[in-house]
Every structure is written in C-alpha cells, then in structure tokens.
Amino acid sequence: MGSPLLDEVRPLIGRTAPFHTAPDPVNLPMARHWCDIIDDRNPVYTDAAFAEASVFRGIVAPPAMLDVWDKPGLHMVRDPGNPQAAALTVLDREGFTSTVAVNSDLELDRYLRPGELVHSTLTLEDVSDEKQTALGTGHFVTSRIRYLVGDEAVGSVLFRVLKFRPGTGRPAAPGRPCP
C-alpha cells in the first residue's frame, strides 16, 4: 500500500525536463577560477602552449566542471516542467523542508573545449520510500542530468539528495569543550 505522498511523486519518475542551455559557452576565465579555487594545477586546463603539445591538442575544461556550465546561479527558480523540482515541491509541502546532497557521480564521455555551448536535460530516476536517517526522516530523490554539445552526449551526473523533516534525526553527540 502506497502513501498519498508517494502516489503523487512516483508518477514523476522517468519524466525528463525540457533542455536547459548554459548562459555562456565553456571558457578559460571560469576554468582558471575553478582551478585556482580547488588548487588544480594541471596546465592542460589553462596553459595554451602546454595544452597544444598534449594529447588533447588544445585547452580542455576540467572534467568536474561538467556540472557547472549550465547552472542557473543564486537566483534559481524551480521550473514546474522539471520533474525533480515538482517532486521537491511536494516534499517541501509535506514538511520535508531540509535538504542535504548525498552523492554526485560524474560520467564523462569527453572533455569540453572553450567555446562549446553545453545544454542539459534532467530525468527523475527515483524517490525512495520514507527512511529514518541520522539527519531525520525523509526521502532520497535521485536524478540524472545528461549533458550535450549539439547532439553529442558529453557526460552525465547522477545526483541524489535527502529531503528530510527537521528535528526528526538523532541528537548530536555531546562535544568536548574547547580548550
């Protein structure tokens, strides 16, 4: 027997959001900032002469940036055509208002190059039964984002969050006093 919440969100599983196009093409300044922030000193991402002499025959973007180029930024609005957004809205309404990222698995088909314009689409893959976790009672929501340049698939990211009710988890262990 299902719950009314799951009866509402489970039909969203397998649905795919409309394509979303990055606001800017892959570019060296963003890649350079990324490399500075995470202290990645691989010159194939930032040094044109080195990259030209490499197996890549030119600059490529760091693979971990695949999931960066199309992000909407701080003022994101949930698109009702996005099945993940629709599921998260239902969970919020039902009191599962806290969110924590659980895991993100990147699969890269090929490196991106400066000037390429990335677009993506998201498919909702699963909404779990209600689980009791250390953080609280909640549901795991799993989506896969597929990235393309034109018609060519360049990679994907499996992204899972836990939407949970605040105050329903285990109390934190008492900490030691600071010296």
Protein backbone atom coordinates (compact mmCIF):
# COMPACT_ATOMS: atom_id res chain seq x y z
CA MET A 1 0.00 0.00 0.00
CA GLY A 2 1.47 3.36 -1.03
CA SER A 3 1.31 6.64 0.77
CA PRO A 4 -0.52 9.68 -0.68
CA LEU A 5 2.83 11.47 -0.95
CA LEU A 6 4.44 8.64 -2.92
CA ASP A 7 1.29 8.24 -5.02
CA GLU A 8 1.79 11.90 -6.03
CA VAL A 9 5.55 11.84 -6.72
CA ARG A 10 6.10 8.35 -8.16
CA PRO A 11 4.38 9.19 -11.49
CA LEU A 12 7.13 11.80 -11.98
CA ILE A 13 9.81 9.07 -12.05
CA GLY A 14 11.13 8.59 -15.57
CA ARG A 15 9.97 12.01 -16.73
CA THR A 16 12.50 14.30 -18.36
CA ALA A 17 12.72 18.07 -18.11
CA PRO A 18 12.99 20.29 -21.18
CA PHE A 19 16.52 21.09 -22.36
CA HIS A 20 18.33 23.83 -20.49
CA THR A 21 21.07 25.74 -22.29
CA ALA A 22 24.06 27.23 -20.47
CA PRO A 23 24.06 31.04 -20.38
CA ASP A 24 27.70 31.16 -21.54
CA PRO A 25 29.98 28.91 -23.55
CA VAL A 26 32.77 26.94 -21.90
CA ASN A 27 35.51 29.49 -21.28
CA LEU A 28 39.04 29.84 -19.96
CA PRO A 29 38.35 32.50 -17.28
CA MET A 30 35.81 30.28 -15.49
CA ALA A 31 38.10 27.26 -15.82
CA ARG A 32 41.00 29.29 -14.42
CA HIS A 33 38.90 30.42 -11.43
CA TRP A 34 37.82 26.81 -10.83
CA CYS A 35 41.41 25.60 -10.93
CA ASP A 36 42.50 28.36 -8.53
CA ILE A 37 39.70 27.59 -6.09
CA ILE A 38 40.34 23.85 -5.94
CA ASP A 39 44.12 24.20 -6.42
CA ASP A 40 44.19 22.09 -9.59
CA ARG A 41 47.49 22.94 -11.29
CA ASN A 42 47.08 20.77 -14.38
CA PRO A 43 48.31 23.10 -17.17
CA VAL A 44 46.15 21.38 -19.81
CA TYR A 45 43.26 23.45 -18.42
CA THR A 46 44.94 26.88 -18.51
CA ASP A 47 48.23 26.93 -20.47
CA ALA A 48 47.63 27.08 -24.24
CA ALA A 49 51.18 26.07 -25.22
CA PHE A 50 51.25 23.11 -22.84
CA ALA A 51 47.74 22.01 -23.85
CA GLU A 52 48.59 22.23 -27.57
CA ALA A 53 51.53 19.87 -27.04
CA SER A 54 49.40 17.44 -25.00
CA VAL A 55 47.25 14.54 -26.17
CA PHE A 56 44.29 16.98 -26.18
CA ARG A 57 45.88 19.28 -28.84
CA GLY A 58 44.42 22.31 -27.04
CA ILE A 59 42.91 23.56 -23.80
CA VAL A 60 40.14 21.46 -22.25
CA ALA A 61 37.91 22.19 -19.28
CA PRO A 62 38.38 20.30 -16.00
CA PRO A 63 36.03 17.26 -16.06
CA ALA A 64 34.48 18.17 -12.70
CA MET A 65 33.19 21.39 -14.30
CA LEU A 66 30.74 19.41 -16.45
CA ASP A 67 28.08 20.09 -13.83
CA VAL A 68 28.90 23.82 -13.64
CA TRP A 69 28.39 25.37 -17.06
CA ASP A 70 24.59 25.28 -17.15
CA LYS A 71 23.83 26.14 -13.53
CA PRO A 72 21.35 29.00 -13.07
CA GLY A 73 23.19 30.69 -10.18
CA LEU A 74 21.96 32.06 -6.88
CA HIS A 75 18.54 33.16 -8.09
CA MET A 76 17.35 29.77 -9.26
CA VAL A 77 13.60 29.35 -9.72
CA ARG A 78 12.08 25.88 -9.70
CA ASP A 79 10.77 25.10 -13.17
CA PRO A 80 7.40 23.33 -12.89
CA GLY A 81 8.28 21.37 -16.06
CA ASN A 82 11.23 19.83 -14.22
CA PRO A 83 10.17 16.53 -12.56
CA GLN A 84 12.83 16.85 -9.83
CA ALA A 85 11.57 20.34 -8.97
CA ALA A 86 7.99 19.05 -8.89
CA ALA A 87 8.95 16.20 -6.53
CA LEU A 88 10.92 18.55 -4.25
CA THR A 89 7.97 20.94 -4.12
CA VAL A 90 5.64 18.12 -2.99
CA LEU A 91 8.16 17.02 -0.34
CA ASP A 92 8.53 20.62 0.91
CA ARG A 93 4.76 20.93 1.16
CA GLU A 94 4.62 17.73 3.23
CA GLY A 95 7.18 19.03 5.76
CA PHE A 96 10.38 17.57 4.29
CA THR A 97 11.91 21.04 4.13
CA SER A 98 15.58 20.34 4.87
CA THR A 99 17.88 19.22 2.07
CA VAL A 100 21.32 17.68 2.03
CA ALA A 101 23.27 16.50 -1.00
CA VAL A 102 24.07 12.82 -0.60
CA ASN A 103 26.15 11.94 -3.63
CA SER A 104 27.04 13.05 -7.12
CA ASP A 105 28.54 10.63 -9.65
CA LEU A 106 30.04 12.10 -12.81
CA GLU A 107 30.44 10.12 -16.03
CA LEU A 108 32.50 11.88 -18.69
CA ASP A 109 32.22 10.90 -22.36
CA ARG A 110 34.70 13.54 -23.48
CA TYR A 111 36.37 16.73 -22.30
CA LEU A 112 34.76 20.07 -23.10
CA ARG A 113 36.64 22.76 -25.01
CA PRO A 114 36.45 26.55 -24.77
CA GLY A 115 33.72 27.96 -26.98
CA GLU A 116 31.40 24.96 -26.77
CA LEU A 117 27.85 25.63 -25.57
CA VAL A 118 26.52 22.98 -23.22
CA HIS A 119 22.90 22.06 -22.79
CA SER A 120 21.39 19.53 -20.46
CA THR A 121 18.27 17.69 -19.55
CA LEU A 122 17.31 16.11 -16.24
CA THR A 123 15.43 12.86 -15.68
CA LEU A 124 13.97 11.98 -12.29
CA GLU A 125 15.18 8.43 -11.59
CA ASP A 126 13.79 7.66 -8.13
CA VAL A 127 12.07 8.89 -5.00
CA SER A 128 12.62 6.45 -2.15
CA ASP A 129 10.19 5.18 0.40
CA GLU A 130 10.36 7.12 3.67
CA LYS A 131 13.61 6.36 5.51
CA GLN A 132 14.83 7.14 9.01
CA THR A 133 18.35 8.57 8.81
CA ALA A 134 20.64 10.15 11.38
CA LEU A 135 19.66 13.56 9.96
CA GLY A 136 15.95 12.86 10.07
CA THR A 137 13.01 11.13 8.47
CA GLY A 138 13.00 11.69 4.74
CA HIS A 139 13.10 10.61 1.14
CA PHE A 140 16.07 10.20 -1.19
CA VAL A 141 15.49 11.91 -4.54
CA THR A 142 17.71 10.72 -7.40
CA SER A 143 18.08 12.47 -10.75
CA ARG A 144 20.37 12.12 -13.74
CA ILE A 145 21.45 15.15 -15.71
CA ARG A 146 22.65 14.46 -19.26
CA TYR A 147 24.97 16.99 -20.90
CA LEU A 148 25.29 17.56 -24.62
CA VAL A 149 27.10 19.83 -27.06
CA GLY A 150 24.82 20.00 -30.06
CA ASP A 151 23.55 16.44 -30.49
CA GLU A 152 26.67 14.86 -28.98
CA ALA A 153 26.47 13.44 -25.45
CA VAL A 154 29.47 14.63 -23.44
CA GLY A 155 28.64 13.22 -19.99
CA SER A 156 26.14 12.85 -17.20
CA VAL A 157 25.80 13.36 -13.47
CA LEU A 158 23.75 11.20 -11.14
CA PHE A 159 22.68 13.49 -8.29
CA ARG A 160 20.96 12.37 -5.07
CA VAL A 161 19.60 14.49 -2.25
CA LEU A 162 17.88 13.65 1.01
CA LYS A 163 14.78 15.73 1.73
CA PHE A 164 14.05 15.35 5.44
CA ARG A 165 11.90 16.72 8.23
CA PRO A 166 13.97 18.93 10.51
CA GLY A 167 14.13 17.81 14.12
CA THR A 168 13.43 14.14 13.40
CA GLY A 169 17.05 12.92 13.43
CA ARG A 170 19.30 11.68 16.18
CA PRO A 171 20.56 14.31 18.60
CA ALA A 172 24.16 15.30 18.11
CA ALA A 173 26.69 13.65 20.41
CA PRO A 174 27.88 15.97 23.14
CA GLY A 175 31.06 17.70 22.06
CA ARG A 176 34.18 18.29 24.04
CA PRO A 177 34.59 21.77 25.43
CA CYS A 178 37.00 23.99 23.54
CA PRO A 179 40.41 24.43 25.24
